[in-house]
């Protein structure tokens, strides 16, 4: 499935471009810090939408610290409980945990202790997510955006240590390219991967703008039997103009990988 990180207001346009779903934001769509009637208004938009919302990103606000001396795990669990409950009602399957402001390690704080804190938080989040039928997808972020969990390999190690099926892994091919992380990390992560993001390394542009070849990463996804979504997450000059090109470009590269596999 191919989706796009965008507002549900763009669903009709995204469908015409060939997308299968929308990836919204937790704070903008599920609004867990707002009263129920505000979410009801969002839900009404979903009921009229030609596409489902299958994932939500932008999980935690910066004020809800995941690590460091000001970590607020109880506040995060309360926030997540509302978000996950509303996600279940909306049919959202994956909650993307990037949230660089929340999880960045403060200057001078012990990285090993931050890792222990974060694993403890994820172990609390997993059961909350499972009770609502959703999965938290941990997103590694490039070093320019966050100083903690920068590679799929690092994220996979944390997910394995957490050991809860409510917490799994996301591979963002843009961040992988920025970190010079190759497709081997996807192969090593295997079944832990439940969601993907994609954009070209140059300018975080949509596929098709600069001609980035994603086929090595797509081949790795094929080899692990990946059947989840791939969401475009990047910068757009004109979403309505560039999205159809992005869909066609990605579909062509997926088809090329499948065709190559069929000839081996």
Protein backbone atom coordinates (compact mmCIF):
# COMPACT_ATOMS: atom_id res chain seq x y z
CA UNK A 1 0.00 0.00 0.00
CA UNK A 2 1.12 3.52 -0.79
CA UNK A 3 0.08 6.47 1.35
CA UNK A 4 0.96 10.08 2.00
CA UNK A 5 1.56 12.06 5.16
CA UNK A 6 -1.04 14.75 4.72
CA UNK A 7 -4.24 16.21 6.09
CA UNK A 8 -7.45 14.26 5.69
CA UNK A 9 -8.64 17.34 3.80
CA UNK A 10 -6.36 16.15 0.98
CA UNK A 11 -7.86 12.65 0.82
CA UNK A 12 -9.82 13.10 -2.41
CA UNK A 13 -6.78 14.47 -4.19
CA UNK A 14 -4.57 11.70 -2.77
CA UNK A 15 -6.99 9.04 -3.96
CA UNK A 16 -7.03 10.48 -7.48
CA UNK A 17 -3.23 10.42 -7.42
CA UNK A 18 -3.28 6.70 -6.65
CA UNK A 19 -2.77 6.60 -2.88
CA UNK A 20 -4.39 3.91 -0.74
CA UNK A 21 -4.45 5.76 2.59
CA UNK A 22 -3.66 8.96 4.47
CA UNK A 23 -1.13 9.22 7.29
CA UNK A 24 -2.36 11.99 9.57
CA UNK A 25 -0.88 13.35 12.80
CA UNK A 26 -1.71 12.31 16.34
CA UNK A 27 -1.87 15.85 17.64
CA UNK A 28 -3.66 17.26 14.61
CA UNK A 29 -6.17 14.47 13.97
CA UNK A 30 -6.59 12.42 17.14
CA UNK A 31 -6.13 15.57 19.29
CA UNK A 32 -5.58 13.61 22.53
CA UNK A 33 -5.01 16.81 24.49
CA UNK A 34 -8.38 18.25 23.43
CA UNK A 35 -11.94 17.47 24.56
CA UNK A 36 -13.97 14.72 22.94
CA UNK A 37 -16.15 17.02 20.79
CA UNK A 38 -13.06 18.26 18.93
CA UNK A 39 -12.15 14.70 17.99
CA UNK A 40 -15.76 14.07 16.99
CA UNK A 41 -15.39 16.85 14.41
CA UNK A 42 -12.25 15.18 13.05
CA UNK A 43 -14.00 11.82 12.98
CA UNK A 44 -16.82 13.32 10.91
CA UNK A 45 -14.23 14.26 8.27
CA UNK A 46 -13.01 10.67 8.26
CA UNK A 47 -16.51 9.31 7.75
CA UNK A 48 -16.79 11.42 4.59
CA UNK A 49 -13.25 10.63 3.41
CA UNK A 50 -12.61 8.52 0.29
CA UNK A 51 -9.46 7.14 1.95
CA UNK A 52 -8.85 5.61 5.39
CA UNK A 53 -6.38 7.02 7.89
CA UNK A 54 -4.19 4.01 8.66
CA UNK A 55 -1.32 5.70 10.50
CA UNK A 56 -0.63 8.83 12.53
CA UNK A 57 2.70 10.52 13.20
CA UNK A 58 3.73 13.56 15.29
CA UNK A 59 3.00 11.60 18.45
CA UNK A 60 4.30 13.45 21.51
CA UNK A 61 4.69 17.17 22.18
CA UNK A 62 8.14 18.35 23.22
CA UNK A 63 6.87 19.15 26.71
CA UNK A 64 6.25 15.45 27.40
CA UNK A 65 9.86 14.35 27.79
CA UNK A 66 10.64 10.69 27.21
CA UNK A 67 14.15 10.82 28.65
CA UNK A 68 16.28 12.99 30.88
CA UNK A 69 15.81 14.47 34.34
CA UNK A 70 12.42 15.90 33.37
CA UNK A 71 11.00 12.69 31.86
CA UNK A 72 7.21 12.56 32.25
CA UNK A 73 6.27 8.93 31.68
CA UNK A 74 3.00 9.06 33.62
CA UNK A 75 1.91 12.04 31.53
CA UNK A 76 2.90 10.24 28.34
CA UNK A 77 0.90 7.15 29.27
CA UNK A 78 -2.20 9.26 29.99
CA UNK A 79 -1.76 11.13 26.69
CA UNK A 80 -1.21 7.86 24.81
CA UNK A 81 -4.23 6.16 26.35
CA UNK A 82 -6.52 8.81 24.86
CA UNK A 83 -4.66 8.83 21.55
CA UNK A 84 -4.81 5.04 21.18
CA UNK A 85 -8.47 4.87 22.15
CA UNK A 86 -9.34 7.44 19.49
CA UNK A 87 -7.05 5.69 17.01
CA UNK A 88 -9.03 2.49 17.45
CA UNK A 89 -12.28 4.31 16.77
CA UNK A 90 -10.79 5.90 13.64
CA UNK A 91 -9.30 2.66 12.30
CA UNK A 92 -5.72 3.85 12.72
CA UNK A 93 -3.34 0.88 12.89
CA UNK A 94 0.06 2.46 13.54
CA UNK A 95 1.20 5.30 15.78
CA UNK A 96 4.57 6.56 14.57
CA UNK A 97 6.93 7.45 17.42
CA UNK A 98 9.44 9.93 16.03
CA UNK A 99 8.88 12.90 18.36
CA UNK A 100 12.44 14.24 18.32
CA UNK A 101 11.69 16.99 20.84
CA UNK A 102 10.36 14.49 23.36
CA UNK A 103 13.03 11.84 23.04
CA UNK A 104 16.20 13.92 22.49
CA UNK A 105 18.80 13.34 25.20
CA UNK A 106 19.51 16.57 27.12
CA UNK A 107 23.09 17.87 27.14
CA UNK A 108 25.13 16.23 29.87
CA UNK A 109 22.63 13.45 30.54
CA UNK A 110 23.95 9.88 30.53
CA UNK A 111 23.01 8.24 27.18
CA UNK A 112 22.92 4.79 28.79
CA UNK A 113 20.43 6.00 31.39
CA UNK A 114 18.36 7.68 28.64
CA UNK A 115 18.22 4.37 26.80
CA UNK A 116 17.07 2.58 29.95
CA UNK A 117 14.40 5.24 30.50
CA UNK A 118 13.18 4.95 26.94
CA UNK A 119 12.97 1.17 27.01
CA UNK A 120 11.02 1.42 30.25
CA UNK A 121 8.61 3.85 28.63
CA UNK A 122 8.08 1.61 25.60
CA UNK A 123 7.44 -1.37 27.87
CA UNK A 124 4.62 0.65 29.45
CA UNK A 125 3.29 1.87 26.10
CA UNK A 126 3.12 -1.57 24.50
CA UNK A 127 0.25 -2.99 26.58
CA UNK A 128 -1.69 0.30 26.31
CA UNK A 129 -1.40 0.11 22.53
CA UNK A 130 -2.32 -3.58 22.35
CA UNK A 131 -5.49 -3.05 24.36
CA UNK A 132 -6.69 -0.70 21.61
CA UNK A 133 -5.49 -2.82 18.71
CA UNK A 134 -2.79 -0.40 17.59
CA UNK A 135 0.99 -0.72 17.22
CA UNK A 136 3.58 1.89 18.12
CA UNK A 137 6.11 2.15 15.28
CA UNK A 138 9.43 3.49 16.53
CA UNK A 139 10.98 5.80 13.94
CA UNK A 140 14.77 6.24 13.78
CA UNK A 141 15.66 9.83 12.84
CA UNK A 142 18.76 11.29 11.23
CA UNK A 143 21.32 12.89 13.54
CA UNK A 144 20.49 16.37 12.22
CA UNK A 145 17.02 15.99 13.79
CA UNK A 146 17.67 13.98 16.95
CA UNK A 147 20.62 12.69 18.97
CA UNK A 148 18.97 9.40 19.93
CA UNK A 149 18.00 6.37 17.80
CA UNK A 150 19.42 7.37 14.42
CA UNK A 151 19.45 4.09 12.52
CA UNK A 152 17.12 1.20 11.82
CA UNK A 153 19.74 -1.09 13.34
CA UNK A 154 19.70 0.88 16.58
CA UNK A 155 15.92 1.00 16.63
CA UNK A 156 15.71 -2.75 16.04
CA UNK A 157 17.94 -3.38 19.05
CA UNK A 158 15.67 -1.31 21.26
CA UNK A 159 12.48 -2.97 19.95
CA UNK A 160 13.97 -6.40 20.58
CA UNK A 161 14.91 -5.43 24.12
CA UNK A 162 11.42 -4.05 24.78
CA UNK A 163 9.99 -7.39 23.69
CA UNK A 164 6.36 -6.31 23.33
CA UNK A 165 4.34 -6.87 20.12
CA UNK A 166 2.67 -3.52 20.70
CA UNK A 167 6.00 -1.84 19.88
CA UNK A 168 7.56 -2.37 16.49
CA UNK A 169 9.80 -0.52 14.03
CA UNK A 170 9.55 1.95 11.15
CA UNK A 171 12.11 2.31 8.37
CA UNK A 172 12.30 5.79 6.88
CA UNK A 173 14.37 5.46 3.73
CA UNK A 174 15.10 9.20 3.69
CA UNK A 175 16.69 9.02 7.15
CA UNK A 176 18.54 5.86 6.14
CA UNK A 177 20.01 7.61 3.11
CA UNK A 178 21.05 10.60 5.22
CA UNK A 179 22.81 8.28 7.68
CA UNK A 180 24.42 6.16 4.94
CA UNK A 181 22.55 3.16 6.29
CA UNK A 182 22.13 0.48 3.68
CA UNK A 183 19.36 -2.03 2.97
CA UNK A 184 21.09 -4.68 5.08
CA UNK A 185 19.50 -3.10 8.17
CA UNK A 186 16.06 -3.79 6.73
CA UNK A 187 17.01 -7.42 6.15
CA UNK A 188 18.30 -7.71 9.72
CA UNK A 189 15.18 -6.10 11.20
CA UNK A 190 12.89 -8.47 9.33
CA UNK A 191 9.48 -8.95 10.92
CA UNK A 192 10.03 -6.06 13.33
CA UNK A 193 9.26 -3.61 10.51
CA UNK A 194 5.60 -2.64 10.31
CA UNK A 195 5.65 0.72 8.52
CA UNK A 196 7.82 2.76 6.14
CA UNK A 197 8.37 6.36 5.09
CA UNK A 198 10.10 7.46 1.90
CA UNK A 199 11.55 10.59 0.31
CA UNK A 200 14.56 11.47 -1.79
CA UNK A 201 17.72 12.44 0.07
CA UNK A 202 18.17 15.65 -1.92
CA UNK A 203 15.84 18.25 -0.44
CA UNK A 204 13.65 15.55 1.12
CA UNK A 205 11.79 15.69 -2.16
CA UNK A 206 9.11 13.35 -3.43
CA UNK A 207 10.19 10.34 -5.47
CA UNK A 208 10.58 11.36 -9.09
CA UNK A 209 11.87 14.88 -8.47
CA UNK A 210 15.62 14.11 -8.57
CA UNK A 211 15.53 10.51 -9.79
CA UNK A 212 16.58 8.72 -6.58
CA UNK A 213 16.82 4.95 -7.04
CA UNK A 214 15.13 3.25 -4.11
CA UNK A 215 15.22 -0.24 -5.60
CA UNK A 216 17.91 -1.67 -3.25
CA UNK A 217 15.73 -0.74 -0.25
CA UNK A 218 12.56 -1.96 -1.94
CA UNK A 219 14.29 -5.23 -2.75
CA UNK A 220 15.20 -5.63 0.92
CA UNK A 221 11.55 -5.04 1.85
CA UNK A 222 10.49 -7.66 -0.69
CA UNK A 223 12.97 -10.16 0.68
CA UNK A 224 11.61 -9.88 4.23
CA UNK A 225 8.05 -10.28 2.96
CA UNK A 226 7.07 -6.77 3.98
CA UNK A 227 3.35 -6.15 3.40
CA UNK A 228 2.82 -2.85 5.23
CA UNK A 229 2.40 0.67 3.99
CA UNK A 230 4.94 3.05 2.48
CA UNK A 231 4.09 6.70 3.15
CA UNK A 232 5.52 9.68 1.32
CA UNK A 233 6.87 12.03 3.98
CA UNK A 234 8.80 14.99 2.69
CA UNK A 235 8.65 18.46 1.26
CA UNK A 236 6.25 19.35 -1.53
CA UNK A 237 6.33 22.31 -3.87
CA UNK A 238 2.85 21.46 -5.14
CA UNK A 239 1.26 18.37 -3.56
CA UNK A 240 -1.47 17.99 -6.18
CA UNK A 241 1.08 18.17 -9.01
CA UNK A 242 3.89 16.11 -7.49
CA UNK A 243 1.93 13.35 -5.73
CA UNK A 244 0.78 11.53 -8.90
CA UNK A 245 4.38 11.52 -10.14
CA UNK A 246 5.60 10.19 -6.79
CA UNK A 247 3.05 7.37 -6.86
CA UNK A 248 3.93 6.37 -10.41
CA UNK A 249 7.66 6.53 -9.67
CA UNK A 250 7.38 4.35 -6.58
CA UNK A 251 5.03 1.89 -8.27
CA UNK A 252 7.45 1.57 -11.19
CA UNK A 253 10.38 0.84 -8.90
CA UNK A 254 8.35 -1.69 -6.89
CA UNK A 255 7.32 -3.39 -10.15
CA UNK A 256 10.94 -3.44 -11.35
CA UNK A 257 12.00 -5.16 -8.13
CA UNK A 258 9.19 -7.69 -8.40
CA UNK A 259 10.01 -8.35 -12.05
CA UNK A 260 13.68 -8.84 -11.29
CA UNK A 261 12.82 -11.28 -8.52
CA UNK A 262 10.60 -13.23 -10.89
CA UNK A 263 13.49 -13.69 -13.32
CA UNK A 264 15.86 -15.14 -10.72
